[in-house]
Amino acid sequence: MWQAIVVGLIVLLATLYVVWALAPPITRLRLTRRIAEWGRRPERAAWITRATARLERNALGRVNGCGDCSAVQSAPGRPRKTRPESTDE
């Protein structure tokens, strides 16, 4: 019984690794930045903060070493919907 659980976990981890490795670098970077934002929250343990920071550095380093170009920058937020100003004349 426990052997089946261990094998299932190994298969799950291998599948996650393959999906991560085959994902486009920009997608990995965006996901990594979201994970890093989660890890930087004040209530997180220090080891989580360090692990997420290392993950973010590794993902940034795999995007052809370019950290300043517009392709690496995070996606802009959705535009806010604002009411048009009414002109009462």
N, C-alpha and C. Protein backbone atom coordinates (compact mmCIF):
# COMPACT_ATOMS: atom_id res chain seq x y z
N MET A 1 0.82 -1.19 0.00
CA MET A 1 0.00 0.00 0.00
C MET A 1 0.86 1.25 0.00
N TRP A 2 1.79 1.38 0.92
CA TRP A 2 2.62 2.59 1.00
C TRP A 2 3.51 2.72 -0.21
N GLN A 3 3.86 1.57 -0.82
CA GLN A 3 4.70 1.62 -2.03
C GLN A 3 3.94 2.28 -3.18
N ALA A 4 2.67 2.02 -3.28
CA ALA A 4 1.85 2.64 -4.32
C ALA A 4 1.77 4.14 -4.09
N ILE A 5 1.69 4.57 -2.84
CA ILE A 5 1.65 6.00 -2.53
C ILE A 5 2.97 6.66 -2.91
N VAL A 6 4.08 6.02 -2.58
CA VAL A 6 5.40 6.58 -2.91
C VAL A 6 5.58 6.66 -4.42
N VAL A 7 5.18 5.62 -5.14
CA VAL A 7 5.28 5.63 -6.60
C VAL A 7 4.39 6.73 -7.18
N GLY A 8 3.20 6.89 -6.65
CA GLY A 8 2.30 7.95 -7.11
C GLY A 8 2.89 9.33 -6.90
N LEU A 9 3.53 9.56 -5.75
CA LEU A 9 4.18 10.84 -5.49
C LEU A 9 5.34 11.09 -6.45
N ILE A 10 6.11 10.05 -6.72
CA ILE A 10 7.24 10.19 -7.66
C ILE A 10 6.73 10.54 -9.05
N VAL A 11 5.67 9.87 -9.49
CA VAL A 11 5.10 10.16 -10.81
C VAL A 11 4.53 11.57 -10.84
N LEU A 12 3.88 12.00 -9.79
CA LEU A 12 3.33 13.35 -9.73
C LEU A 12 4.44 14.39 -9.80
N LEU A 13 5.50 14.21 -9.02
CA LEU A 13 6.62 15.16 -9.04
C LEU A 13 7.31 15.18 -10.40
N ALA A 14 7.46 14.01 -11.02
CA ALA A 14 8.08 13.96 -12.35
C ALA A 14 7.22 14.69 -13.38
N THR A 15 5.92 14.53 -13.28
CA THR A 15 5.01 15.22 -14.21
C THR A 15 5.09 16.73 -14.03
N LEU A 16 5.09 17.18 -12.78
CA LEU A 16 5.20 18.63 -12.51
C LEU A 16 6.53 19.18 -13.04
N TYR A 17 7.60 18.42 -12.88
CA TYR A 17 8.90 18.87 -13.38
C TYR A 17 8.89 18.99 -14.90
N VAL A 18 8.30 18.02 -15.59
CA VAL A 18 8.26 18.06 -17.05
C VAL A 18 7.44 19.25 -17.53
N VAL A 19 6.30 19.48 -16.90
CA VAL A 19 5.46 20.62 -17.29
C VAL A 19 6.23 21.92 -17.06
N TRP A 20 6.92 22.03 -15.93
CA TRP A 20 7.71 23.23 -15.62
C TRP A 20 8.84 23.41 -16.62
N ALA A 21 9.56 22.33 -16.94
CA ALA A 21 10.72 22.42 -17.83
C ALA A 21 10.32 22.75 -19.25
N LEU A 22 9.16 22.29 -19.69
CA LEU A 22 8.73 22.53 -21.07
C LEU A 22 7.92 23.81 -21.24
N ALA A 23 7.59 24.46 -20.15
CA ALA A 23 6.84 25.72 -20.24
C ALA A 23 7.75 26.81 -20.82
N PRO A 24 7.18 27.76 -21.54
CA PRO A 24 7.99 28.86 -22.05
C PRO A 24 8.64 29.63 -20.89
N PRO A 25 9.84 30.15 -21.10
CA PRO A 25 10.55 30.86 -20.01
C PRO A 25 9.77 32.03 -19.42
N ILE A 26 9.05 32.76 -20.24
CA ILE A 26 8.30 33.91 -19.74
C ILE A 26 7.18 33.44 -18.81
N THR A 27 6.53 32.34 -19.16
CA THR A 27 5.48 31.80 -18.31
C THR A 27 6.05 31.34 -16.98
N ARG A 28 7.20 30.68 -17.01
CA ARG A 28 7.84 30.25 -15.77
C ARG A 28 8.22 31.45 -14.92
N LEU A 29 8.71 32.51 -15.56
CA LEU A 29 9.11 33.70 -14.81
C LEU A 29 7.90 34.37 -14.15
N ARG A 30 6.81 34.49 -14.87
CA ARG A 30 5.60 35.10 -14.30
C ARG A 30 5.07 34.28 -13.13
N LEU A 31 5.04 32.97 -13.30
CA LEU A 31 4.58 32.11 -12.21
C LEU A 31 5.52 32.20 -11.03
N THR A 32 6.81 32.24 -11.30
CA THR A 32 7.79 32.34 -10.23
C THR A 32 7.65 33.65 -9.48
N ARG A 33 7.38 34.73 -10.18
CA ARG A 33 7.21 36.02 -9.51
C ARG A 33 5.98 36.02 -8.61
N ARG A 34 4.92 35.35 -9.04
CA ARG A 34 3.74 35.25 -8.18
C ARG A 34 4.05 34.43 -6.93
N ILE A 35 4.79 33.34 -7.10
CA ILE A 35 5.19 32.52 -5.95
C ILE A 35 6.08 33.34 -5.02
N ALA A 36 7.00 34.12 -5.59
CA ALA A 36 7.90 34.93 -4.78
C ALA A 36 7.14 36.01 -4.01
N GLU A 37 6.13 36.61 -4.63
CA GLU A 37 5.31 37.59 -3.91
C GLU A 37 4.63 36.93 -2.72
N TRP A 38 4.14 35.71 -2.91
CA TRP A 38 3.52 34.98 -1.82
C TRP A 38 4.54 34.71 -0.71
N GLY A 39 5.77 34.37 -1.10
CA GLY A 39 6.80 34.04 -0.12
C GLY A 39 7.35 35.23 0.63
N ARG A 40 7.19 36.44 0.09
CA ARG A 40 7.72 37.64 0.75
C ARG A 40 6.77 38.24 1.78
N ARG A 41 5.65 37.65 1.97
CA ARG A 41 4.71 38.19 2.96
C ARG A 41 5.35 38.12 4.35
N PRO A 42 5.04 39.08 5.20
CA PRO A 42 5.71 39.15 6.51
C PRO A 42 5.49 37.94 7.40
N GLU A 43 4.37 37.27 7.29
CA GLU A 43 4.09 36.16 8.19
C GLU A 43 4.75 34.84 7.77
N ARG A 44 5.44 34.83 6.64
CA ARG A 44 6.08 33.61 6.15
C ARG A 44 7.36 33.33 6.91
N ALA A 45 7.69 32.06 6.99
CA ALA A 45 8.93 31.64 7.64
C ALA A 45 10.12 32.08 6.79
N ALA A 46 11.28 32.22 7.42
CA ALA A 46 12.47 32.71 6.72
C ALA A 46 12.90 31.75 5.62
N TRP A 47 12.75 30.45 5.85
CA TRP A 47 13.20 29.48 4.83
C TRP A 47 12.32 29.55 3.59
N ILE A 48 11.03 29.89 3.75
CA ILE A 48 10.15 30.04 2.58
C ILE A 48 10.57 31.28 1.79
N THR A 49 10.90 32.35 2.49
CA THR A 49 11.34 33.58 1.82
C THR A 49 12.62 33.33 1.03
N ARG A 50 13.58 32.63 1.63
CA ARG A 50 14.83 32.33 0.92
C ARG A 50 14.60 31.41 -0.27
N ALA A 51 13.75 30.40 -0.10
CA ALA A 51 13.50 29.45 -1.19
C ALA A 51 12.81 30.13 -2.37
N THR A 52 11.83 31.00 -2.10
CA THR A 52 11.15 31.67 -3.19
C THR A 52 12.06 32.70 -3.88
N ALA A 53 12.94 33.34 -3.11
CA ALA A 53 13.89 34.28 -3.72
C ALA A 53 14.86 33.52 -4.63
N ARG A 54 15.33 32.38 -4.20
CA ARG A 54 16.24 31.57 -5.02
C ARG A 54 15.53 31.08 -6.28
N LEU A 55 14.28 30.66 -6.15
CA LEU A 55 13.51 30.22 -7.29
C LEU A 55 13.35 31.34 -8.31
N GLU A 56 13.09 32.55 -7.82
CA GLU A 56 12.93 33.70 -8.72
C GLU A 56 14.25 34.04 -9.43
N ARG A 57 15.37 33.99 -8.70
CA ARG A 57 16.67 34.26 -9.33
C ARG A 57 16.98 33.22 -10.40
N ASN A 58 16.70 31.96 -10.13
CA ASN A 58 16.95 30.91 -11.11
C ASN A 58 16.10 31.08 -12.35
N ALA A 59 14.84 31.43 -12.18
CA ALA A 59 13.97 31.62 -13.33
C ALA A 59 14.40 32.81 -14.16
N LEU A 60 14.83 33.88 -13.50
CA LEU A 60 15.28 35.07 -14.22
C LEU A 60 16.57 34.78 -14.97
N GLY A 61 17.44 33.97 -14.41
CA GLY A 61 18.70 33.63 -15.07
C GLY A 61 18.52 32.77 -16.30
N ARG A 62 17.41 32.08 -16.40
CA ARG A 62 17.17 31.20 -17.56
C ARG A 62 16.46 31.89 -18.70
N VAL A 63 16.17 33.17 -18.55
CA VAL A 63 15.51 33.92 -19.62
C VAL A 63 16.59 34.64 -20.42
N ASN A 64 17.54 33.90 -20.91
CA ASN A 64 18.63 34.41 -21.74
C ASN A 64 19.41 35.53 -21.07
N GLY A 65 19.41 35.59 -19.76
CA GLY A 65 20.20 36.56 -19.03
C GLY A 65 19.73 37.99 -19.17
N CYS A 66 18.58 38.19 -19.73
CA CYS A 66 18.07 39.54 -19.95
C CYS A 66 17.02 39.86 -18.91
N GLY A 67 17.30 40.80 -18.05
CA GLY A 67 16.34 41.14 -17.02
C GLY A 67 15.71 42.50 -17.22
N ASP A 68 16.21 43.28 -18.16
CA ASP A 68 15.72 44.63 -18.34
C ASP A 68 14.84 44.81 -19.57
N CYS A 69 14.82 43.83 -20.46
CA CYS A 69 14.04 44.01 -21.68
C CYS A 69 12.55 43.88 -21.38
N SER A 70 11.74 44.40 -22.28
CA SER A 70 10.31 44.44 -22.04
C SER A 70 9.68 43.05 -22.05
N ALA A 71 10.31 42.06 -22.68
CA ALA A 71 9.74 40.72 -22.73
C ALA A 71 9.75 40.06 -21.36
N VAL A 72 10.65 40.47 -20.48
CA VAL A 72 10.77 39.85 -19.17
C VAL A 72 9.92 40.57 -18.13
N GLN A 73 9.58 41.78 -18.40
CA GLN A 73 8.81 42.56 -17.43
C GLN A 73 7.46 41.90 -17.22
N SER A 74 6.91 42.06 -16.03
CA SER A 74 5.63 41.43 -15.73
C SER A 74 4.54 42.06 -16.58
N ALA A 75 3.52 41.27 -16.79
CA ALA A 75 2.41 41.72 -17.62
C ALA A 75 1.70 42.88 -16.94
N PRO A 76 1.31 43.86 -17.70
CA PRO A 76 0.60 44.99 -17.09
C PRO A 76 -0.74 44.53 -16.55
N GLY A 77 -1.20 45.21 -15.53
CA GLY A 77 -2.48 44.86 -14.94
C GLY A 77 -3.63 45.21 -15.87
N ARG A 78 -4.75 44.65 -15.56
CA ARG A 78 -5.92 44.96 -16.37
C ARG A 78 -6.30 46.43 -16.18
N PRO A 79 -6.72 47.07 -17.25
CA PRO A 79 -7.11 48.48 -17.11
C PRO A 79 -8.36 48.60 -16.25
N ARG A 80 -8.37 49.63 -15.46
CA ARG A 80 -9.53 49.88 -14.62
C ARG A 80 -10.66 50.44 -15.45
N LYS A 81 -11.84 50.01 -15.13
CA LYS A 81 -13.01 50.57 -15.80
C LYS A 81 -13.44 51.79 -15.01
N THR A 82 -13.46 52.90 -15.68
CA THR A 82 -13.88 54.13 -15.02
C THR A 82 -15.13 54.65 -15.70
N ARG A 83 -15.89 55.30 -14.93
CA ARG A 83 -17.11 55.90 -15.50
C ARG A 83 -16.71 57.14 -16.30
N PRO A 84 -17.32 57.31 -17.43
CA PRO A 84 -17.06 58.56 -18.15
C PRO A 84 -17.64 59.73 -17.38
N GLU A 85 -16.89 60.81 -17.38
CA GLU A 85 -17.35 61.99 -16.66
C GLU A 85 -18.57 62.56 -17.35
N SER A 86 -19.57 62.78 -16.56
CA SER A 86 -20.79 63.34 -17.14
C SER A 86 -20.63 64.84 -17.31
N THR A 87 -21.05 65.31 -18.40
CA THR A 87 -20.97 66.75 -18.66
C THR A 87 -22.38 67.31 -18.64
N ASP A 88 -22.76 67.81 -17.52
CA ASP A 88 -24.09 68.43 -17.38
C ASP A 88 -23.96 69.89 -17.79
N GLU A 89 -24.56 70.21 -18.89
CA GLU A 89 -24.50 71.58 -19.39
C GLU A 89 -25.80 72.27 -19.26
